[in-house]
Amino acid sequence: MESFSLESMSVSEFLHRITHVVERLGSTMAIYGAPNEVAEATPFEEDTERRPYDRQAVERFHQALLRIEPVFQQFRTGFLGRVSPVHLF
């Protein structure tokens, strides 16, 4: 099992760490290397500004997602065809 601690880091450093983990697991990662729908997007590789990490905020957000997921499962609509699982974009 591969992992790394979430902590204050740059977008570039996060990208390098997650890419390394995926490769160590025997796969490759192919992503578009810059944010979408942003006027002046800095490519991830070039975004070296260190960002804060607020563990408590992330945990609260995670708990909110866990609590709302059953609502999305129950109230998907009356559509009877094929449906995808709930996604967060």
N, C-alpha and C. Protein backbone atom coordinates (compact mmCIF):
# COMPACT_ATOMS: atom_id res chain seq x y z
N MET A 1 0.85 -1.18 0.00
CA MET A 1 0.00 0.00 0.00
C MET A 1 0.89 1.24 0.00
N GLU A 2 0.57 2.16 -0.83
CA GLU A 2 1.34 3.39 -0.95
C GLU A 2 0.49 4.55 -0.42
N SER A 3 1.13 5.51 0.18
CA SER A 3 0.40 6.68 0.67
C SER A 3 1.40 7.80 0.96
N PHE A 4 0.86 8.98 1.22
CA PHE A 4 1.65 10.09 1.72
C PHE A 4 0.74 10.97 2.55
N SER A 5 1.30 11.67 3.49
CA SER A 5 0.52 12.53 4.37
C SER A 5 0.09 13.79 3.64
N LEU A 6 -1.15 14.18 3.86
CA LEU A 6 -1.60 15.47 3.34
C LEU A 6 -1.12 16.54 4.31
N GLU A 7 -0.50 17.56 3.76
CA GLU A 7 0.08 18.63 4.55
C GLU A 7 0.24 19.84 3.65
N SER A 8 0.71 20.91 4.20
CA SER A 8 0.97 22.11 3.42
C SER A 8 2.00 21.79 2.34
N MET A 9 1.63 22.05 1.05
CA MET A 9 2.54 21.81 -0.06
C MET A 9 2.05 22.57 -1.28
N SER A 10 2.85 22.61 -2.30
CA SER A 10 2.46 23.26 -3.55
C SER A 10 1.67 22.28 -4.42
N VAL A 11 0.98 22.81 -5.41
CA VAL A 11 0.25 21.97 -6.36
C VAL A 11 1.25 21.08 -7.10
N SER A 12 2.38 21.64 -7.49
CA SER A 12 3.42 20.88 -8.18
C SER A 12 3.91 19.72 -7.33
N GLU A 13 4.16 19.96 -6.06
CA GLU A 13 4.64 18.91 -5.17
C GLU A 13 3.57 17.82 -5.00
N PHE A 14 2.30 18.23 -4.85
CA PHE A 14 1.23 17.25 -4.74
C PHE A 14 1.16 16.38 -6.00
N LEU A 15 1.25 17.02 -7.17
CA LEU A 15 1.21 16.29 -8.43
C LEU A 15 2.35 15.26 -8.50
N HIS A 16 3.55 15.67 -8.11
CA HIS A 16 4.69 14.75 -8.14
C HIS A 16 4.48 13.58 -7.17
N ARG A 17 3.96 13.88 -5.98
CA ARG A 17 3.75 12.82 -4.99
C ARG A 17 2.70 11.82 -5.47
N ILE A 18 1.56 12.32 -5.96
CA ILE A 18 0.49 11.41 -6.37
C ILE A 18 0.89 10.62 -7.60
N THR A 19 1.64 11.24 -8.50
CA THR A 19 2.13 10.52 -9.68
C THR A 19 3.07 9.39 -9.26
N HIS A 20 3.93 9.67 -8.31
CA HIS A 20 4.87 8.66 -7.80
C HIS A 20 4.10 7.49 -7.18
N VAL A 21 3.08 7.77 -6.39
CA VAL A 21 2.28 6.71 -5.77
C VAL A 21 1.62 5.85 -6.84
N VAL A 22 1.01 6.48 -7.83
CA VAL A 22 0.34 5.73 -8.90
C VAL A 22 1.34 4.85 -9.64
N GLU A 23 2.52 5.38 -9.92
CA GLU A 23 3.54 4.61 -10.63
C GLU A 23 4.05 3.44 -9.77
N ARG A 24 4.21 3.67 -8.48
CA ARG A 24 4.66 2.59 -7.58
C ARG A 24 3.62 1.48 -7.49
N LEU A 25 2.37 1.81 -7.75
CA LEU A 25 1.31 0.81 -7.76
C LEU A 25 1.21 0.10 -9.11
N GLY A 26 2.08 0.49 -10.06
CA GLY A 26 2.15 -0.20 -11.33
C GLY A 26 1.28 0.38 -12.43
N SER A 27 0.87 1.61 -12.28
CA SER A 27 0.03 2.23 -13.30
C SER A 27 0.66 3.55 -13.75
N THR A 28 0.00 4.21 -14.66
CA THR A 28 0.44 5.52 -15.10
C THR A 28 -0.71 6.50 -14.94
N MET A 29 -0.38 7.74 -14.82
CA MET A 29 -1.39 8.77 -14.64
C MET A 29 -1.27 9.78 -15.77
N ALA A 30 -2.35 9.97 -16.49
CA ALA A 30 -2.38 10.94 -17.57
C ALA A 30 -3.49 11.94 -17.29
N ILE A 31 -3.11 13.17 -17.02
CA ILE A 31 -4.10 14.21 -16.76
C ILE A 31 -3.76 15.44 -17.60
N TYR A 32 -4.77 16.28 -17.80
CA TYR A 32 -4.52 17.56 -18.44
C TYR A 32 -3.78 18.39 -17.41
N GLY A 33 -2.65 18.96 -17.74
CA GLY A 33 -1.75 19.56 -16.78
C GLY A 33 -2.01 20.99 -16.34
N ALA A 34 -3.26 21.45 -16.47
CA ALA A 34 -3.59 22.81 -16.01
C ALA A 34 -5.06 22.86 -15.64
N PRO A 35 -5.44 23.79 -14.77
CA PRO A 35 -6.85 23.94 -14.42
C PRO A 35 -7.70 24.28 -15.65
N ASN A 36 -8.93 23.83 -15.64
CA ASN A 36 -9.87 24.15 -16.71
C ASN A 36 -10.74 25.33 -16.30
N GLU A 37 -11.23 26.03 -17.29
CA GLU A 37 -12.21 27.10 -17.10
C GLU A 37 -11.71 28.20 -16.15
N VAL A 38 -10.42 28.48 -16.23
CA VAL A 38 -9.81 29.56 -15.45
C VAL A 38 -9.12 30.48 -16.45
N ALA A 39 -9.38 31.76 -16.33
CA ALA A 39 -8.86 32.72 -17.31
C ALA A 39 -7.35 32.61 -17.49
N GLU A 40 -6.61 32.72 -16.41
CA GLU A 40 -5.15 32.66 -16.50
C GLU A 40 -4.66 31.49 -15.67
N ALA A 41 -4.75 30.29 -16.23
CA ALA A 41 -4.42 29.07 -15.51
C ALA A 41 -2.92 28.82 -15.48
N THR A 42 -2.39 28.59 -14.29
CA THR A 42 -0.99 28.21 -14.13
C THR A 42 -0.90 26.70 -14.25
N PRO A 43 -0.07 26.18 -15.14
CA PRO A 43 0.09 24.72 -15.24
C PRO A 43 0.51 24.14 -13.89
N PHE A 44 0.01 22.96 -13.57
CA PHE A 44 0.29 22.35 -12.27
C PHE A 44 1.77 22.25 -11.98
N GLU A 45 2.56 21.87 -12.98
CA GLU A 45 4.01 21.71 -12.81
C GLU A 45 4.67 23.03 -12.39
N GLU A 46 4.11 24.14 -12.82
CA GLU A 46 4.71 25.46 -12.54
C GLU A 46 4.14 26.11 -11.29
N ASP A 47 3.12 25.51 -10.68
CA ASP A 47 2.49 26.10 -9.51
C ASP A 47 3.23 25.65 -8.25
N THR A 48 4.26 26.40 -7.90
CA THR A 48 5.15 26.01 -6.81
C THR A 48 4.89 26.77 -5.50
N GLU A 49 3.85 27.60 -5.49
CA GLU A 49 3.52 28.33 -4.26
C GLU A 49 2.95 27.36 -3.23
N ARG A 50 3.52 27.39 -2.05
CA ARG A 50 3.07 26.50 -0.98
C ARG A 50 1.66 26.90 -0.53
N ARG A 51 0.77 25.90 -0.41
CA ARG A 51 -0.61 26.13 0.00
C ARG A 51 -0.83 25.56 1.39
N PRO A 52 -1.67 26.20 2.19
CA PRO A 52 -1.96 25.66 3.53
C PRO A 52 -2.85 24.42 3.42
N TYR A 53 -2.83 23.60 4.45
CA TYR A 53 -3.71 22.44 4.54
C TYR A 53 -4.39 22.49 5.90
N ASP A 54 -5.71 22.55 5.88
CA ASP A 54 -6.50 22.63 7.11
C ASP A 54 -7.19 21.29 7.32
N ARG A 55 -6.57 20.42 8.11
CA ARG A 55 -7.10 19.07 8.33
C ARG A 55 -8.53 19.10 8.86
N GLN A 56 -8.83 19.98 9.80
CA GLN A 56 -10.18 20.04 10.37
C GLN A 56 -11.21 20.42 9.32
N ALA A 57 -10.89 21.36 8.44
CA ALA A 57 -11.83 21.75 7.38
C ALA A 57 -12.07 20.59 6.42
N VAL A 58 -11.01 19.86 6.09
CA VAL A 58 -11.15 18.71 5.19
C VAL A 58 -12.00 17.63 5.85
N GLU A 59 -11.79 17.39 7.13
CA GLU A 59 -12.58 16.38 7.83
C GLU A 59 -14.05 16.78 7.90
N ARG A 60 -14.33 18.06 8.13
CA ARG A 60 -15.73 18.53 8.15
C ARG A 60 -16.37 18.37 6.77
N PHE A 61 -15.63 18.70 5.72
CA PHE A 61 -16.13 18.54 4.36
C PHE A 61 -16.41 17.07 4.06
N HIS A 62 -15.49 16.20 4.47
CA HIS A 62 -15.68 14.76 4.26
C HIS A 62 -16.94 14.27 4.98
N GLN A 63 -17.13 14.70 6.21
CA GLN A 63 -18.33 14.30 6.95
C GLN A 63 -19.60 14.80 6.26
N ALA A 64 -19.57 16.01 5.74
CA ALA A 64 -20.73 16.54 5.01
C ALA A 64 -21.03 15.68 3.78
N LEU A 65 -20.00 15.27 3.05
CA LEU A 65 -20.20 14.42 1.88
C LEU A 65 -20.79 13.07 2.27
N LEU A 66 -20.29 12.49 3.36
CA LEU A 66 -20.82 11.21 3.82
C LEU A 66 -22.28 11.32 4.20
N ARG A 67 -22.67 12.46 4.79
CA ARG A 67 -24.06 12.63 5.22
C ARG A 67 -25.00 12.91 4.05
N ILE A 68 -24.54 13.58 3.02
CA ILE A 68 -25.41 13.93 1.89
C ILE A 68 -25.53 12.80 0.87
N GLU A 69 -24.57 11.89 0.82
CA GLU A 69 -24.57 10.82 -0.17
C GLU A 69 -25.86 9.99 -0.15
N PRO A 70 -26.39 9.59 1.01
CA PRO A 70 -27.65 8.82 0.99
C PRO A 70 -28.82 9.60 0.38
N VAL A 71 -28.82 10.90 0.53
CA VAL A 71 -29.88 11.72 -0.07
C VAL A 71 -29.80 11.62 -1.59
N PHE A 72 -28.59 11.73 -2.14
CA PHE A 72 -28.42 11.59 -3.59
C PHE A 72 -28.81 10.19 -4.07
N GLN A 73 -28.52 9.18 -3.27
CA GLN A 73 -28.88 7.81 -3.66
C GLN A 73 -30.39 7.61 -3.66
N GLN A 74 -31.07 8.17 -2.69
CA GLN A 74 -32.51 7.99 -2.58
C GLN A 74 -33.29 8.83 -3.59
N PHE A 75 -32.83 10.02 -3.86
CA PHE A 75 -33.56 10.95 -4.71
C PHE A 75 -32.84 11.19 -6.04
N ARG A 76 -32.48 10.13 -6.72
CA ARG A 76 -31.78 10.23 -8.00
C ARG A 76 -32.70 10.75 -9.09
N THR A 77 -33.94 10.58 -9.02
CA THR A 77 -35.02 10.91 -9.95
C THR A 77 -35.74 9.63 -10.31
N GLY A 78 -36.77 9.74 -11.08
CA GLY A 78 -37.53 8.57 -11.47
C GLY A 78 -37.01 7.91 -12.73
N PHE A 79 -35.87 8.35 -13.22
CA PHE A 79 -35.31 7.80 -14.45
C PHE A 79 -35.01 6.31 -14.26
N LEU A 80 -35.47 5.48 -15.15
CA LEU A 80 -35.32 4.04 -15.01
C LEU A 80 -34.17 3.46 -15.82
N GLY A 81 -33.51 4.26 -16.61
CA GLY A 81 -32.39 3.78 -17.42
C GLY A 81 -31.12 3.66 -16.61
N ARG A 82 -30.03 3.51 -17.31
CA ARG A 82 -28.73 3.38 -16.66
C ARG A 82 -28.32 4.71 -16.05
N VAL A 83 -27.79 4.68 -14.82
CA VAL A 83 -27.34 5.89 -14.14
C VAL A 83 -25.92 5.67 -13.61
N SER A 84 -25.18 6.74 -13.49
CA SER A 84 -23.84 6.68 -12.92
C SER A 84 -23.91 6.95 -11.42
N PRO A 85 -22.92 6.51 -10.67
CA PRO A 85 -22.89 6.85 -9.24
C PRO A 85 -22.71 8.36 -9.06
N VAL A 86 -22.97 8.82 -7.86
CA VAL A 86 -22.82 10.22 -7.53
C VAL A 86 -21.36 10.63 -7.70
N HIS A 87 -21.10 11.75 -8.35
CA HIS A 87 -19.74 12.27 -8.54
C HIS A 87 -19.64 13.68 -7.97
N LEU A 88 -18.47 14.04 -7.54
CA LEU A 88 -18.19 15.40 -7.08
C LEU A 88 -17.22 16.01 -8.07
N PHE A 89 -17.64 17.09 -8.73
CA PHE A 89 -16.79 17.76 -9.70
C PHE A 89 -16.39 19.11 -9.19
